[in-house]
Protein backbone atom coordinates (compact mmCIF):
# COMPACT_ATOMS: atom_id res chain seq x y z
CA MET A 1 -19.14 -16.51 73.32
CA LYS A 2 -19.61 -13.33 71.33
CA LEU A 3 -17.32 -10.46 72.30
CA SER A 4 -18.13 -6.77 71.95
CA ILE A 5 -16.57 -3.60 73.28
CA SER A 6 -18.14 -0.32 74.36
CA SER A 7 -16.33 2.80 75.53
CA GLU A 8 -16.27 6.56 75.25
CA PHE A 9 -13.96 8.12 72.67
CA ARG A 10 -13.25 11.68 73.80
CA LYS A 11 -11.27 14.61 72.39
CA VAL A 12 -10.73 12.86 69.06
CA ALA A 13 -8.08 14.63 66.95
CA LEU A 14 -7.38 13.62 63.35
CA LEU A 15 -4.50 14.81 61.17
CA ASN A 16 -5.43 13.82 57.63
CA TYR A 17 -2.93 13.39 54.80
CA ILE A 18 -3.39 12.73 51.09
CA VAL A 19 -1.06 10.06 49.70
CA PRO A 20 -0.74 8.04 46.49
CA PRO A 21 -2.86 4.86 46.76
CA GLU A 22 0.22 2.66 46.31
CA VAL A 23 1.57 3.92 49.65
CA VAL A 24 -1.19 2.08 51.53
CA GLU A 25 -1.49 -0.92 49.21
CA LYS A 26 0.39 -3.39 51.46
CA TYR A 27 -2.04 -2.66 54.30
CA LEU A 28 -5.23 -3.38 52.37
CA PRO A 29 -7.10 -6.41 53.73
CA LYS A 30 -8.12 -8.95 51.10
CA TYR A 31 -11.45 -8.08 49.40
CA THR A 32 -10.97 -4.33 50.01
CA LYS A 33 -9.68 -1.39 47.99
CA PRO A 34 -8.86 2.22 48.88
CA ASP A 35 -11.92 4.41 49.38
CA LEU A 36 -11.26 7.77 47.73
CA PHE A 37 -12.72 11.20 48.39
CA ASN A 38 -12.69 13.53 45.39
CA GLY A 39 -10.19 11.14 43.84
CA ASN A 40 -7.81 11.31 46.81
CA CYS A 41 -6.51 8.55 49.08
CA TYR A 42 -6.32 9.50 52.77
CA ILE A 43 -4.34 8.36 55.79
CA SER A 44 -4.97 9.78 59.26
CA LEU A 45 -3.01 10.07 62.49
CA VAL A 46 -5.62 9.93 65.24
CA GLY A 47 -5.39 10.60 68.97
CA PHE A 48 -8.20 10.13 71.47
CA GLN A 49 -9.08 9.34 75.07
CA VAL A 50 -10.67 5.96 75.80
CA LYS A 51 -12.93 6.04 78.86
CA LYS A 52 -15.31 3.62 80.60
CA LEU A 53 -14.23 0.66 78.49
CA LYS A 54 -16.33 -2.48 78.88
CA VAL A 55 -16.26 -5.95 77.32
CA ASN A 56 -19.71 -7.51 76.83
CA ASP A 57 -21.08 -4.63 78.91
CA LEU A 58 -18.90 -5.60 81.89
CA LYS A 59 -16.19 -3.46 83.42
CA VAL A 60 -12.85 -5.29 83.39
CA PRO A 61 -10.82 -4.59 86.56
CA MET A 62 -7.44 -4.55 84.79
CA ILE A 63 -8.58 -1.98 82.23
CA LYS A 64 -8.26 1.69 83.10
CA ASP A 65 -8.92 4.85 81.10
CA LEU A 66 -6.21 5.38 78.52
CA ASP A 67 -4.99 7.51 75.64
CA GLU A 68 -4.63 5.93 72.20
CA ILE A 69 -2.89 6.94 69.00
CA ASP A 70 -3.87 5.25 65.72
CA LEU A 71 -2.64 5.38 62.15
CA GLN A 72 -5.54 4.49 59.86
CA ILE A 73 -6.63 4.29 56.24
CA TYR A 74 -10.03 4.24 54.55
CA VAL A 75 -11.28 1.33 52.45
CA LYS A 76 -14.37 -0.12 50.85
CA ARG A 77 -15.57 -3.60 49.95
CA PHE A 78 -18.27 -4.71 47.52
CA ASP A 79 -20.55 -7.19 49.32
CA GLY A 80 -22.41 -8.27 46.21
CA ALA A 81 -25.08 -5.59 46.43
CA SER A 82 -23.35 -2.36 47.44
CA TRP A 83 -20.07 -0.85 48.57
CA VAL A 84 -19.40 -1.17 52.31
CA LYS A 85 -17.25 1.61 53.71
CA GLY A 86 -14.78 0.96 56.48
CA VAL A 87 -11.54 1.91 58.22
CA VAL A 88 -8.34 -0.08 58.67
CA VAL A 89 -6.18 0.76 61.67
CA ILE A 90 -2.60 0.07 60.63
CA SER A 91 -1.13 0.64 64.07
CA ARG A 92 -2.52 1.31 67.55
CA LEU A 93 -0.38 2.75 70.35
CA PHE A 94 -1.19 2.91 74.05
CA ASP A 95 0.46 2.37 77.41
CA GLN A 96 -0.96 -0.89 78.80
CA PRO A 97 1.25 -3.92 78.01
CA GLY A 98 -1.04 -6.65 79.37
CA LEU A 99 -4.13 -5.24 77.73
CA ALA A 100 -2.37 -4.88 74.37
CA GLU A 101 -1.45 -8.56 74.36
CA LEU A 102 -4.94 -9.66 75.46
CA THR A 103 -6.72 -7.49 72.90
CA ASN A 104 -4.47 -8.63 70.07
CA THR A 105 -5.21 -12.24 70.97
CA LEU A 106 -8.97 -11.90 71.34
CA PHE A 107 -9.75 -9.42 68.59
CA LYS A 108 -6.84 -9.95 66.12
CA THR A 109 -5.88 -6.30 66.49
CA ASN A 110 -2.43 -4.74 66.28
CA TYR A 111 -1.85 -2.82 69.51
CA THR A 112 1.66 -1.86 70.58
CA SER A 113 2.32 -0.79 74.15
CA VAL A 114 4.50 2.32 74.36
CA PRO A 115 4.76 5.16 76.88
CA ALA A 116 1.86 7.21 75.51
CA MET A 117 -0.17 9.99 77.05
CA GLY A 118 -2.71 12.69 76.28
CA GLU A 119 -3.17 16.16 77.70
CA VAL A 120 -6.29 18.32 77.50
CA ASN A 121 -6.31 21.99 78.45
CA GLU A 122 -9.62 23.84 78.38
CA THR A 123 -10.42 27.49 78.99
CA GLU A 124 -13.70 29.35 78.61
CA LYS A 125 -12.91 29.95 74.94
CA SER A 126 -10.58 27.21 73.75
CA ILE A 127 -9.60 23.54 73.86
CA GLU A 128 -6.08 22.28 73.29
CA VAL A 129 -5.25 18.57 73.09
CA LYS A 130 -1.82 16.99 72.86
CA TYR A 131 -1.01 13.33 72.24
CA SER A 132 2.53 12.07 72.68
CA TRP A 133 4.58 8.90 73.05
CA GLN A 134 8.19 7.77 73.19
CA LEU A 135 10.12 6.27 70.29
CA ASN A 136 13.64 5.16 71.18
CA GLY A 137 13.77 7.76 73.93
CA LYS A 138 12.57 10.60 71.69
CA GLU A 139 9.18 12.23 72.11
CA GLN A 140 6.72 11.97 69.23
CA LYS A 141 3.80 14.37 69.51
CA PHE A 142 1.00 16.28 67.86
CA SER A 143 -1.42 18.87 69.18
CA VAL A 144 -4.61 20.61 68.06
CA LYS A 145 -6.16 23.81 69.38
CA SER A 146 -9.73 24.94 68.66
CA ASN A 147 -12.47 27.18 69.91
CA LYS A 148 -15.31 25.64 71.93
CA LEU A 149 -18.04 26.04 69.33
CA ALA A 150 -19.01 22.62 67.98
CA ALA A 151 -21.21 22.22 64.91
CA PRO A 152 -22.55 19.30 62.83
CA TYR A 153 -21.15 18.55 59.39
CA ASP A 154 -22.91 17.87 56.10
CA LYS A 155 -23.08 14.30 54.79
CA ASP A 156 -21.16 14.98 51.59
CA THR A 157 -18.13 16.63 53.22
CA GLU A 158 -14.61 15.39 53.86
CA ALA A 159 -15.46 15.14 57.57
CA ALA A 160 -18.33 12.77 56.82
CA PHE A 161 -16.07 10.67 54.60
CA LEU A 162 -13.51 10.32 57.41
CA LEU A 163 -15.78 9.96 60.44
CA ASP A 164 -18.82 8.05 59.18
CA ARG A 165 -17.30 4.58 58.97
CA PRO A 166 -19.84 1.91 59.92
CA PHE A 167 -17.29 -0.91 59.74
CA GLY A 168 -13.70 -1.68 60.57
CA PHE A 169 -11.59 -4.16 58.62
CA ILE A 170 -8.67 -6.17 59.99
CA LYS A 171 -5.90 -7.66 57.87
CA ALA A 172 -5.11 -10.82 59.85
CA GLY A 173 -2.94 -12.26 57.07
CA GLU A 174 -2.59 -12.20 53.32
CA GLU A 175 -5.69 -14.38 52.99
CA GLU A 176 -7.62 -13.48 56.16
CA THR A 177 -9.87 -10.45 56.51
CA TYR A 178 -12.16 -9.69 59.43
CA LEU A 179 -14.96 -7.14 59.66
CA TYR A 180 -16.57 -5.56 62.72
CA ALA A 181 -19.36 -3.02 63.15
CA ILE A 182 -18.75 0.47 64.57
CA LYS A 183 -21.62 2.49 66.01
CA HIS A 184 -21.57 5.99 67.45
CA ALA A 185 -23.63 9.16 67.47
CA SER A 186 -22.96 11.82 64.86
CA TRP A 187 -19.99 13.85 66.07
CA HIS A 188 -19.92 17.63 66.05
CA LEU A 189 -16.74 19.41 64.98
CA TYR A 190 -14.83 22.14 66.76
CA THR A 191 -13.26 24.87 64.62
CA VAL A 192 -9.54 24.16 64.56
CA GLU A 193 -7.40 27.25 65.00
CA GLU A 194 -3.90 25.80 65.01
CA TYR A 195 -2.02 22.53 65.18
CA ALA A 196 1.51 21.17 65.44
CA VAL A 197 2.99 17.79 64.57
CA ASN A 198 6.42 16.31 65.27
CA VAL A 199 6.25 12.63 64.35
CA ASP A 200 8.74 10.39 62.57
CA PHE A 201 6.24 8.32 60.61
CA SER A 202 8.84 6.18 58.88
CA ARG A 203 10.56 5.00 62.07
CA GLN A 204 7.41 4.59 64.14
CA PHE A 205 5.22 2.89 61.58
CA ASP A 206 6.88 1.89 58.29
CA PRO A 207 9.55 3.33 55.95
CA VAL A 208 6.85 3.57 53.27
CA PHE A 209 5.34 6.42 55.30
CA ASN A 210 8.47 8.57 55.05
CA ILE A 211 6.43 10.62 52.60
CA LEU A 212 4.42 11.94 55.56
CA ASN A 213 7.49 13.36 57.32
CA SER A 214 7.74 16.15 54.77
CA ARG A 215 4.04 16.78 54.20
CA VAL A 216 1.57 18.99 56.03
CA PRO A 217 -1.89 17.62 56.79
CA HIS A 218 -4.52 18.27 54.16
CA SER A 219 -6.99 18.86 57.00
CA VAL A 220 -7.19 18.69 60.79
CA ILE A 221 -10.28 17.69 62.78
CA LEU A 222 -11.12 17.91 66.48
CA THR A 223 -14.36 16.54 67.91
CA GLU A 224 -15.61 15.81 71.41
CA GLY A 225 -16.53 12.23 70.43
CA SER A 226 -19.15 10.02 72.08
CA THR A 227 -19.88 6.52 73.26
CA VAL A 228 -18.67 3.98 70.68
CA GLU A 229 -19.82 0.38 70.30
CA ILE A 230 -17.60 -2.12 68.50
CA GLY A 231 -19.10 -5.43 67.43
CA GLU A 232 -17.69 -8.91 67.16
CA ASN A 233 -15.15 -9.74 64.46
CA VAL A 234 -16.60 -11.73 61.55
CA GLU A 235 -14.38 -13.33 58.91
CA VAL A 236 -14.96 -12.12 55.37
CA SER A 237 -14.94 -14.94 52.83
CA SER A 238 -15.44 -13.10 49.56
């Protein structure tokens, strides 16, 4: 039976860092390479709300709305005719132990269940989102504040490079790579006014990301998001 997921991604915040390509090399699925923008390799810390999640268009009783934090990189693969652009989620954090195990089994993903939460505060003029979780009893967190004016972005911008990813890739092993389709409406961007980040990247994710502990994001994005459809995993053979 084919499996697909649909849900709403809301209040999507991205903190985007530029790193040397060798920092992400161990996380590249086979048949992919880093996708660069203006010669730069990006990695993003992403927080968002997941609402109305369904599997094969059916609501699953055990699944409730949740907040998710991802660390992701951007890759491309040549399919024999053209370059296919995608995203690789290195780590996914959320607070639902049973669902994490089930999703990892069915979809070959890499969810980790931790005490994670999101907060959204809206006024007539501003939106502030905060995503946080616990690491060995210490709070890890980041927040983004913007005005409430959302606008589209041009196709050749950094935002388009980061957000317009029609595929996701999964590194299921040194020799196994899976691909899945990602569909969503074009997202409009809020104007970010301020942000804060207090995350120990090396302890939470991998010592190789210690470089991020001393860097400031190259850019910060906040968007309302939309309904997102994620297709079935398909193994890539070449």
